[in-house]
Amino acid sequence: MSFWVESVLAVEVVKVGVGFAVLLWASYHDWKKREVPNVVWVVFLPVAAVLTIFETYTMGFSMEFNFLQLLSVGVSTAIFVAISYVGLWGGADSKALIGLAILFPHPPLLSDPPLGYTLPAFPLVVFIDSLIISLAAIPYAVASNIVWRSRTGRSLFEGYGDVPLTRKIGALALCVKKRSAEVKPYDILAEEPNVGSGNCLRKLVLFRKVEEDYQPPKGEGQPEYVFITAAVPMLIFITLGFMAALLLGDVLFWVIANLATTAQT
């Protein structure tokens, strides 16, 4: 193996170590407190940039390759910022993925995953793999609601009025019941008061911006149980998505390719 290849692989080992260290620490902090100090990203982003610049220098200048790296970072960052802007996830999730985009704008040379890489922008592979892994929250929510229904003997939708079937299915798959007294400030409620609608005191709201803050009423009139989203902090899924992208590759395109092959046979 040439000195050039050894040098690039050594830098990439350092980059993988840095990426995992930051993501694991941030995930733990997000799990415990549902927030990550900004100092993590203030340090991570410039360190990622320095490592990538050093790796690019080691590999040698290539107009086409360097342009593709900048394009990967730019497109990925725009997507992650847009998702954060519309409130689908928190700022820490966006910053973590932007940091990964800077750290690995292209698929790592040390990784040879069995599923391969269809997308040339490695951060988008991480993002998509993270979303696929996050689907594991659905069976958890369904099982939790079934157990709650069996344990209490009560209807999941008591007090919500006439709930459409599609919304019931959504609540069953995406939300869990929790005692109002146990709701934490960082929990995202999947309901809100139903003002001026007769006996129906609450209505289900399955999609809420992460910064929206609604807590169940206290004291008299407080419902015993409320629906909250079953979401595990996205940073945990991003960490698992980073691991899946390195070890497995592009999961979504592998699934699509296999479905296309099956359809043709």
C-alpha atoms as a PDB file:
ATOM      1  CA  MET A   1       0.000   0.000   0.000  1.00  0.00           C
ATOM      2  CA  SER A   2       1.426   3.399  -0.963  1.00  0.00           C
ATOM      3  CA  PHE A   3       2.225   6.121   1.530  1.00  0.00           C
ATOM      4  CA  TRP A   4      -0.474   8.313  -0.068  1.00  0.00           C
ATOM      5  CA  VAL A   5      -3.199   5.716   0.488  1.00  0.00           C
ATOM      6  CA  GLU A   6      -1.998   5.015   4.032  1.00  0.00           C
ATOM      7  CA  SER A   7      -2.098   8.731   4.846  1.00  0.00           C
ATOM      8  CA  VAL A   8      -5.630   9.182   3.499  1.00  0.00           C
ATOM      9  CA  LEU A   9      -6.895   6.100   5.335  1.00  0.00           C
ATOM     10  CA  ALA A  10      -5.263   7.289   8.557  1.00  0.00           C
ATOM     11  CA  VAL A  11      -7.054  10.640   8.268  1.00  0.00           C
ATOM     12  CA  GLU A  12     -10.353   8.870   7.590  1.00  0.00           C
ATOM     13  CA  VAL A  13      -9.926   6.656  10.668  1.00  0.00           C
ATOM     14  CA  VAL A  14      -9.489   9.834  12.718  1.00  0.00           C
ATOM     15  CA  LYS A  15     -12.557  11.362  11.048  1.00  0.00           C
ATOM     16  CA  VAL A  16     -14.708   8.304  11.792  1.00  0.00           C
ATOM     17  CA  GLY A  17     -13.531   8.359  15.401  1.00  0.00           C
ATOM     18  CA  VAL A  18     -14.305  12.056  15.774  1.00  0.00           C
ATOM     19  CA  GLY A  19     -17.725  11.644  14.147  1.00  0.00           C
ATOM     20  CA  PHE A  20     -18.733   8.768  16.411  1.00  0.00           C
ATOM     21  CA  ALA A  21     -17.372  10.431  19.542  1.00  0.00           C
ATOM     22  CA  VAL A  22     -19.364  13.618  18.925  1.00  0.00           C
ATOM     23  CA  LEU A  23     -22.559  11.801  17.910  1.00  0.00           C
ATOM     24  CA  LEU A  24     -22.472   9.399  20.859  1.00  0.00           C
ATOM     25  CA  TRP A  25     -21.880  12.186  23.366  1.00  0.00           C
ATOM     26  CA  ALA A  26     -24.538  14.411  21.802  1.00  0.00           C
ATOM     27  CA  SER A  27     -27.042  11.516  21.648  1.00  0.00           C
ATOM     28  CA  TYR A  28     -26.516  10.730  25.326  1.00  0.00           C
ATOM     29  CA  HIS A  29     -26.951  14.385  26.265  1.00  0.00           C
ATOM     30  CA  ASP A  30     -30.064  14.670  24.072  1.00  0.00           C
ATOM     31  CA  TRP A  31     -31.550  11.520  25.608  1.00  0.00           C
ATOM     32  CA  LYS A  32     -31.012  12.757  29.168  1.00  0.00           C
ATOM     33  CA  LYS A  33     -31.919  16.444  28.765  1.00  0.00           C
ATOM     34  CA  ARG A  34     -33.358  16.786  25.245  1.00  0.00           C
ATOM     35  CA  GLU A  35     -30.825  19.481  24.437  1.00  0.00           C
ATOM     36  CA  VAL A  36     -27.211  19.639  23.344  1.00  0.00           C
ATOM     37  CA  PRO A  37     -24.908  22.543  24.303  1.00  0.00           C
ATOM     38  CA  ASN A  38     -23.945  24.684  21.315  1.00  0.00           C
ATOM     39  CA  VAL A  39     -20.285  24.398  22.283  1.00  0.00           C
ATOM     40  CA  VAL A  40     -20.355  20.859  20.843  1.00  0.00           C
ATOM     41  CA  TRP A  41     -21.082  22.179  17.366  1.00  0.00           C
ATOM     42  CA  VAL A  42     -18.808  25.225  17.772  1.00  0.00           C
ATOM     43  CA  VAL A  43     -15.944  22.759  18.225  1.00  0.00           C
ATOM     44  CA  PHE A  44     -17.132  19.953  15.912  1.00  0.00           C
ATOM     45  CA  LEU A  45     -17.759  21.953  12.740  1.00  0.00           C
ATOM     46  CA  PRO A  46     -14.324  23.629  12.491  1.00  0.00           C
ATOM     47  CA  VAL A  47     -12.553  20.392  13.485  1.00  0.00           C
ATOM     48  CA  ALA A  48     -14.471  18.581  10.733  1.00  0.00           C
ATOM     49  CA  ALA A  49     -13.510  21.293   8.246  1.00  0.00           C
ATOM     50  CA  VAL A  50      -9.802  21.120   9.176  1.00  0.00           C
ATOM     51  CA  LEU A  51      -9.741  17.318   8.861  1.00  0.00           C
ATOM     52  CA  THR A  52     -11.469  17.397   5.472  1.00  0.00           C
ATOM     53  CA  ILE A  53      -9.171  20.144   4.163  1.00  0.00           C
ATOM     54  CA  PHE A  54      -6.146  18.168   5.340  1.00  0.00           C
ATOM     55  CA  GLU A  55      -7.476  15.003   3.690  1.00  0.00           C
ATOM     56  CA  THR A  56      -8.119  16.898   0.438  1.00  0.00           C
ATOM     57  CA  TYR A  57      -4.588  18.295   0.528  1.00  0.00           C
ATOM     58  CA  THR A  58      -3.200  14.790   1.100  1.00  0.00           C
ATOM     59  CA  MET A  59      -5.188  13.403  -1.842  1.00  0.00           C
ATOM     60  CA  GLY A  60      -4.012  16.166  -4.150  1.00  0.00           C
ATOM     61  CA  PHE A  61      -5.898  18.875  -6.001  1.00  0.00           C
ATOM     62  CA  SER A  62      -8.634  17.849  -8.425  1.00  0.00           C
ATOM     63  CA  MET A  63     -11.000  20.476  -9.762  1.00  0.00           C
ATOM     64  CA  GLU A  64     -13.819  18.001 -10.394  1.00  0.00           C
ATOM     65  CA  PHE A  65     -13.460  16.155  -7.070  1.00  0.00           C
ATOM     66  CA  ASN A  66     -13.217  19.357  -5.022  1.00  0.00           C
ATOM     67  CA  PHE A  67     -16.262  20.796  -6.790  1.00  0.00           C
ATOM     68  CA  LEU A  68     -18.253  17.643  -6.010  1.00  0.00           C
ATOM     69  CA  GLN A  69     -17.222  17.898  -2.365  1.00  0.00           C
ATOM     70  CA  LEU A  70     -18.405  21.514  -2.155  1.00  0.00           C
ATOM     71  CA  LEU A  71     -21.617  20.604  -3.958  1.00  0.00           C
ATOM     72  CA  SER A  72     -22.248  17.737  -1.527  1.00  0.00           C
ATOM     73  CA  VAL A  73     -21.766  20.004   1.491  1.00  0.00           C
ATOM     74  CA  GLY A  74     -23.879  22.790  -0.011  1.00  0.00           C
ATOM     75  CA  VAL A  75     -26.839  20.647  -1.088  1.00  0.00           C
ATOM     76  CA  SER A  76     -26.833  18.607   2.118  1.00  0.00           C
ATOM     77  CA  THR A  77     -26.621  21.711   4.319  1.00  0.00           C
ATOM     78  CA  ALA A  78     -29.488  23.373   2.446  1.00  0.00           C
ATOM     79  CA  ILE A  79     -31.693  20.300   2.934  1.00  0.00           C
ATOM     80  CA  PHE A  80     -30.880  19.946   6.635  1.00  0.00           C
ATOM     81  CA  VAL A  81     -31.408  23.649   7.356  1.00  0.00           C
ATOM     82  CA  ALA A  82     -34.724  23.617   5.477  1.00  0.00           C
ATOM     83  CA  ILE A  83     -35.973  20.652   7.514  1.00  0.00           C
ATOM     84  CA  SER A  84     -34.996  22.420  10.723  1.00  0.00           C
ATOM     85  CA  TYR A  85     -36.576  25.689   9.537  1.00  0.00           C
ATOM     86  CA  VAL A  86     -40.000  24.120   9.014  1.00  0.00           C
ATOM     87  CA  GLY A  87     -39.792  22.569  12.475  1.00  0.00           C
ATOM     88  CA  LEU A  88     -39.595  18.871  11.636  1.00  0.00           C
ATOM     89  CA  TRP A  89     -36.598  18.421  13.925  1.00  0.00           C
ATOM     90  CA  GLY A  90     -34.440  20.416  16.308  1.00  0.00           C
ATOM     91  CA  GLY A  91     -31.404  22.533  15.631  1.00  0.00           C
ATOM     92  CA  ALA A  92     -29.020  19.974  17.131  1.00  0.00           C
ATOM     93  CA  ASP A  93     -30.102  17.353  14.577  1.00  0.00           C
ATOM     94  CA  SER A  94     -29.454  19.762  11.728  1.00  0.00           C
ATOM     95  CA  LYS A  95     -26.063  20.808  13.131  1.00  0.00           C
ATOM     96  CA  ALA A  96     -25.013  17.175  13.610  1.00  0.00           C
ATOM     97  CA  LEU A  97     -25.772  16.332   9.980  1.00  0.00           C
ATOM     98  CA  ILE A  98     -24.123  19.517   8.714  1.00  0.00           C
ATOM     99  CA  GLY A  99     -21.053  18.540  10.716  1.00  0.00           C
ATOM    100  CA  LEU A 100     -21.104  15.097   9.126  1.00  0.00           C
ATOM    101  CA  ALA A 101     -21.514  16.704   5.697  1.00  0.00           C
ATOM    102  CA  ILE A 102     -18.346  18.714   6.290  1.00  0.00           C
ATOM    103  CA  LEU A 103     -16.535  15.734   7.807  1.00  0.00           C
ATOM    104  CA  PHE A 104     -17.516  13.302   5.020  1.00  0.00           C
ATOM    105  CA  PRO A 105     -18.710  15.120   1.895  1.00  0.00           C
ATOM    106  CA  HIS A 106     -17.844  11.977  -0.093  1.00  0.00           C
ATOM    107  CA  PRO A 107     -18.109   8.269   0.793  1.00  0.00           C
ATOM    108  CA  PRO A 108     -15.144   7.205   2.941  1.00  0.00           C
ATOM    109  CA  LEU A 109     -12.422   5.366   1.055  1.00  0.00           C
ATOM    110  CA  LEU A 110     -11.960   2.966   3.983  1.00  0.00           C
ATOM    111  CA  SER A 111     -15.571   1.819   3.753  1.00  0.00           C
ATOM    112  CA  ASP A 112     -16.589  -0.906   1.313  1.00  0.00           C
ATOM    113  CA  PRO A 113     -20.186  -1.659   2.376  1.00  0.00           C
ATOM    114  CA  PRO A 114     -22.021  -4.650   0.886  1.00  0.00           C
ATOM    115  CA  LEU A 115     -24.942  -2.503  -0.330  1.00  0.00           C
ATOM    116  CA  GLY A 116     -22.670   0.072  -1.961  1.00  0.00           C
ATOM    117  CA  TYR A 117     -23.265   3.803  -2.370  1.00  0.00           C
ATOM    118  CA  THR A 118     -25.708   5.015  -5.004  1.00  0.00           C
ATOM    119  CA  LEU A 119     -25.756   8.620  -3.820  1.00  0.00           C
ATOM    120  CA  PRO A 120     -22.379  10.360  -4.210  1.00  0.00           C
ATOM    121  CA  ALA A 121     -23.247  12.686  -1.290  1.00  0.00           C
ATOM    122  CA  PHE A 122     -22.419  10.586   1.780  1.00  0.00           C
ATOM    123  CA  PRO A 123     -24.306  12.859   4.251  1.00  0.00           C
ATOM    124  CA  LEU A 124     -27.538  12.191   2.351  1.00  0.00           C
ATOM    125  CA  VAL A 125     -26.899   8.439   2.676  1.00  0.00           C
ATOM    126  CA  VAL A 126     -26.544   8.930   6.442  1.00  0.00           C
ATOM    127  CA  PHE A 127     -29.724  11.020   6.506  1.00  0.00           C
ATOM    128  CA  ILE A 128     -31.802   8.471   4.575  1.00  0.00           C
ATOM    129  CA  ASP A 129     -30.469   5.521   6.580  1.00  0.00           C
ATOM    130  CA  SER A 130     -31.344   7.448   9.754  1.00  0.00           C
ATOM    131  CA  LEU A 131     -34.919   7.944   8.587  1.00  0.00           C
ATOM    132  CA  ILE A 132     -35.266   4.248   7.752  1.00  0.00           C
ATOM    133  CA  ILE A 133     -33.961   3.219  11.178  1.00  0.00           C
ATOM    134  CA  SER A 134     -36.312   5.711  12.857  1.00  0.00           C
ATOM    135  CA  LEU A 135     -39.249   3.671  11.535  1.00  0.00           C
ATOM    136  CA  ALA A 136     -38.506   1.291  14.408  1.00  0.00           C
ATOM    137  CA  ALA A 137     -40.464   3.746  16.582  1.00  0.00           C
ATOM    138  CA  ILE A 138     -43.695   2.597  14.889  1.00  0.00           C
ATOM    139  CA  PRO A 139     -43.838  -0.995  16.255  1.00  0.00           C
ATOM    140  CA  TYR A 140     -42.794   0.384  19.654  1.00  0.00           C
ATOM    141  CA  ALA A 141     -45.711   2.847  19.640  1.00  0.00           C
ATOM    142  CA  VAL A 142     -48.210   0.224  18.487  1.00  0.00           C
ATOM    143  CA  ALA A 143     -47.086  -2.257  21.156  1.00  0.00           C
ATOM    144  CA  SER A 144     -47.145   0.433  23.851  1.00  0.00           C
ATOM    145  CA  ASN A 145     -50.694   1.468  22.980  1.00  0.00           C
ATOM    146  CA  ILE A 146     -51.915  -2.131  22.892  1.00  0.00           C
ATOM    147  CA  VAL A 147     -50.406  -2.739  26.334  1.00  0.00           C
ATOM    148  CA  TRP A 148     -51.962   0.480  27.662  1.00  0.00           C
ATOM    149  CA  ARG A 149     -55.388  -0.496  26.290  1.00  0.00           C
ATOM    150  CA  SER A 150     -55.125  -3.972  27.801  1.00  0.00           C
ATOM    151  CA  ARG A 151     -53.897  -2.711  31.169  1.00  0.00           C
ATOM    152  CA  THR A 152     -56.413   0.101  31.663  1.00  0.00           C
ATOM    153  CA  GLY A 153     -59.393  -1.315  29.758  1.00  0.00           C
ATOM    154  CA  ARG A 154     -60.082   2.203  28.479  1.00  0.00           C
ATOM    155  CA  SER A 155     -60.465   3.540  24.973  1.00  0.00           C
ATOM    156  CA  LEU A 156     -57.375   5.161  23.512  1.00  0.00           C
ATOM    157  CA  PHE A 157     -59.519   7.964  22.100  1.00  0.00           C
ATOM    158  CA  GLU A 158     -61.740   8.718  25.086  1.00  0.00           C
ATOM    159  CA  GLY A 159     -62.396  12.470  25.285  1.00  0.00           C
ATOM    160  CA  TYR A 160     -61.367  13.268  21.723  1.00  0.00           C
ATOM    161  CA  GLY A 161     -64.803  13.152  20.099  1.00  0.00           C
ATOM    162  CA  ASP A 162     -65.296  11.670  16.647  1.00  0.00           C
ATOM    163  CA  VAL A 163     -61.755  10.942  15.466  1.00  0.00           C
ATOM    164  CA  PRO A 164     -61.331   9.941  11.776  1.00  0.00           C
ATOM    165  CA  LEU A 165     -59.974   6.456  11.198  1.00  0.00           C
ATOM    166  CA  THR A 166     -56.843   7.746   9.469  1.00  0.00           C
ATOM    167  CA  ARG A 167     -55.995   9.903  12.487  1.00  0.00           C
ATOM    168  CA  LYS A 168     -56.603   6.985  14.829  1.00  0.00           C
ATOM    169  CA  ILE A 169     -54.174   4.866  12.819  1.00  0.00           C
ATOM    170  CA  GLY A 170     -51.657   7.704  12.876  1.00  0.00           C
ATOM    171  CA  ALA A 171     -51.952   8.112  16.649  1.00  0.00           C
ATOM    172  CA  LEU A 172     -51.646   4.359  17.175  1.00  0.00           C
ATOM    173  CA  ALA A 173     -48.442   4.231  15.111  1.00  0.00           C
ATOM    174  CA  LEU A 174     -46.782   7.516  16.077  1.00  0.00           C
ATOM    175  CA  CYS A 175     -47.883   8.337  19.616  1.00  0.00           C
ATOM    176  CA  VAL A 176     -48.052   6.792  23.090  1.00  0.00           C
ATOM    177  CA  LYS A 177     -50.168   7.462  26.159  1.00  0.00           C
ATOM    178  CA  LYS A 178     -48.562   9.101  29.169  1.00  0.00           C
ATOM    179  CA  ARG A 179     -49.923  10.348  32.498  1.00  0.00           C
ATOM    180  CA  SER A 180     -50.369  14.108  32.415  1.00  0.00           C
ATOM    181  CA  ALA A 181     -48.547  14.437  35.733  1.00  0.00           C
ATOM    182  CA  GLU A 182     -45.511  12.690  34.207  1.00  0.00           C
ATOM    183  CA  VAL A 183     -45.275  14.805  31.041  1.00  0.00           C
ATOM    184  CA  LYS A 184     -41.845  16.438  30.801  1.00  0.00           C
ATOM    185  CA  PRO A 185     -41.227  19.920  29.372  1.00  0.00           C
ATOM    186  CA  TYR A 186     -39.418  18.359  26.402  1.00  0.00           C
ATOM    187  CA  ASP A 187     -42.231  15.919  25.560  1.00  0.00           C
ATOM    188  CA  ILE A 188     -44.085  16.816  22.357  1.00  0.00           C
ATOM    189  CA  LEU A 189     -47.826  16.548  22.921  1.00  0.00           C
ATOM    190  CA  ALA A 190     -49.886  15.150  20.074  1.00  0.00           C
ATOM    191  CA  GLU A 191     -53.025  16.992  21.143  1.00  0.00           C
ATOM    192  CA  GLU A 192     -54.335  20.388  22.158  1.00  0.00           C
ATOM    193  CA  PRO A 193     -57.506  21.908  23.661  1.00  0.00           C
ATOM    194  CA  ASN A 194     -60.491  21.813  21.356  1.00  0.00           C
ATOM    195  CA  VAL A 195     -61.862  25.304  21.938  1.00  0.00           C
ATOM    196  CA  GLY A 196     -65.599  25.839  21.432  1.00  0.00           C
ATOM    197  CA  SER A 197     -66.556  22.344  20.292  1.00  0.00           C
ATOM    198  CA  GLY A 198     -69.090  21.151  22.836  1.00  0.00           C
ATOM    199  CA  ASN A 199     -68.244  18.043  24.838  1.00  0.00           C
ATOM    200  CA  CYS A 200     -65.085  17.261  22.867  1.00  0.00           C
ATOM    201  CA  LEU A 201     -62.384  18.785  25.074  1.00  0.00           C
ATOM    202  CA  ARG A 202     -59.311  17.733  23.121  1.00  0.00           C
ATOM    203  CA  LYS A 203     -58.252  17.075  19.565  1.00  0.00           C
ATOM    204  CA  LEU A 204     -55.364  15.066  18.174  1.00  0.00           C
ATOM    205  CA  VAL A 205     -52.512  16.924  16.507  1.00  0.00           C
ATOM    206  CA  LEU A 206     -50.141  14.351  15.054  1.00  0.00           C
ATOM    207  CA  PHE A 207     -47.680  16.746  13.451  1.00  0.00           C
ATOM    208  CA  ARG A 208     -46.355  19.600  15.521  1.00  0.00           C
ATOM    209  CA  LYS A 209     -43.263  21.754  15.113  1.00  0.00           C
ATOM    210  CA  VAL A 210     -40.621  20.802  17.643  1.00  0.00           C
ATOM    211  CA  GLU A 211     -40.476  24.326  19.093  1.00  0.00           C
ATOM    212  CA  GLU A 212     -44.219  24.501  19.739  1.00  0.00           C
ATOM    213  CA  ASP A 213     -44.834  24.393  23.469  1.00  0.00           C
ATOM    214  CA  TYR A 214     -48.140  23.098  24.808  1.00  0.00           C
ATOM    215  CA  GLN A 215     -48.521  21.446  28.188  1.00  0.00           C
ATOM    216  CA  PRO A 216     -51.684  19.717  29.457  1.00  0.00           C
ATOM    217  CA  PRO A 217     -53.813  21.830  31.829  1.00  0.00           C
ATOM    218  CA  LYS A 218     -53.092  21.463  35.537  1.00  0.00           C
ATOM    219  CA  GLY A 219     -55.546  20.994  38.377  1.00  0.00           C
ATOM    220  CA  GLU A 220     -59.269  20.597  37.726  1.00  0.00           C
ATOM    221  CA  GLY A 221     -60.061  19.428  34.214  1.00  0.00           C
ATOM    222  CA  GLN A 222     -56.635  17.891  33.740  1.00  0.00           C
ATOM    223  CA  PRO A 223     -56.886  14.686  31.658  1.00  0.00           C
ATOM    224  CA  GLU A 224     -55.348  11.682  33.389  1.00  0.00           C
ATOM    225  CA  TYR A 225     -53.590  10.548  30.208  1.00  0.00           C
ATOM    226  CA  VAL A 226     -52.476  12.411  27.095  1.00  0.00           C
ATOM    227  CA  PHE A 227     -50.940  11.418  23.790  1.00  0.00           C
ATOM    228  CA  ILE A 228     -47.295  12.344  23.226  1.00  0.00           C
ATOM    229  CA  THR A 229     -45.192  11.571  20.188  1.00  0.00           C
ATOM    230  CA  ALA A 230     -43.236   8.341  20.467  1.00  0.00           C
ATOM    231  CA  ALA A 231     -40.149   9.969  19.031  1.00  0.00           C
ATOM    232  CA  VAL A 232     -36.750   8.928  20.311  1.00  0.00           C
ATOM    233  CA  PRO A 233     -34.276  11.837  19.941  1.00  0.00           C
ATOM    234  CA  MET A 234     -33.346  12.006  16.262  1.00  0.00           C
ATOM    235  CA  LEU A 235     -29.670  12.266  17.165  1.00  0.00           C
ATOM    236  CA  ILE A 236     -29.750   8.624  18.243  1.00  0.00           C
ATOM    237  CA  PHE A 237     -31.088   7.607  14.841  1.00  0.00           C
ATOM    238  CA  ILE A 238     -28.495   9.828  13.130  1.00  0.00           C
ATOM    239  CA  THR A 239     -25.758   8.010  15.053  1.00  0.00           C
ATOM    240  CA  LEU A 240     -27.190   4.648  14.018  1.00  0.00           C
ATOM    241  CA  GLY A 241     -27.611   5.948  10.454  1.00  0.00           C
ATOM    242  CA  PHE A 242     -23.939   6.948  10.376  1.00  0.00           C
ATOM    243  CA  MET A 243     -23.009   3.435  11.474  1.00  0.00           C
ATOM    244  CA  ALA A 244     -25.356   1.859   8.915  1.00  0.00           C
ATOM    245  CA  ALA A 245     -23.979   4.042   6.111  1.00  0.00           C
ATOM    246  CA  LEU A 246     -20.426   2.961   6.926  1.00  0.00           C
ATOM    247  CA  LEU A 247     -21.128  -0.752   7.456  1.00  0.00           C
ATOM    248  CA  LEU A 248     -24.056  -1.398   5.085  1.00  0.00           C
ATOM    249  CA  GLY A 249     -24.206   1.456   2.584  1.00  0.00           C
ATOM    250  CA  ASP A 250     -27.196   2.968   0.830  1.00  0.00           C
ATOM    251  CA  VAL A 251     -30.108   0.995   2.320  1.00  0.00           C
ATOM    252  CA  LEU A 252     -32.934   2.791   0.501  1.00  0.00           C
ATOM    253  CA  PHE A 253     -31.520   2.358  -2.992  1.00  0.00           C
ATOM    254  CA  TRP A 254     -30.692  -1.263  -2.223  1.00  0.00           C
ATOM    255  CA  VAL A 255     -34.354  -1.839  -1.295  1.00  0.00           C
ATOM    256  CA  ILE A 256     -35.553   0.013  -4.412  1.00  0.00           C
ATOM    257  CA  ALA A 257     -33.185  -1.986  -6.638  1.00  0.00           C
ATOM    258  CA  ASN A 258     -34.380  -5.283  -5.160  1.00  0.00           C
ATOM    259  CA  LEU A 259     -38.035  -4.315  -5.526  1.00  0.00           C
ATOM    260  CA  ALA A 260     -37.415  -3.332  -9.148  1.00  0.00           C
ATOM    261  CA  THR A 261     -35.662  -6.645  -9.794  1.00  0.00           C
ATOM    262  CA  THR A 262     -38.500  -8.570  -8.163  1.00  0.00           C
ATOM    263  CA  ALA A 263     -41.105  -6.699 -10.214  1.00  0.00           C
ATOM    264  CA  GLN A 264     -39.310  -7.611 -13.440  1.00  0.00           C
ATOM    265  CA  THR A 265     -39.204 -11.325 -12.684  1.00  0.00           C
END
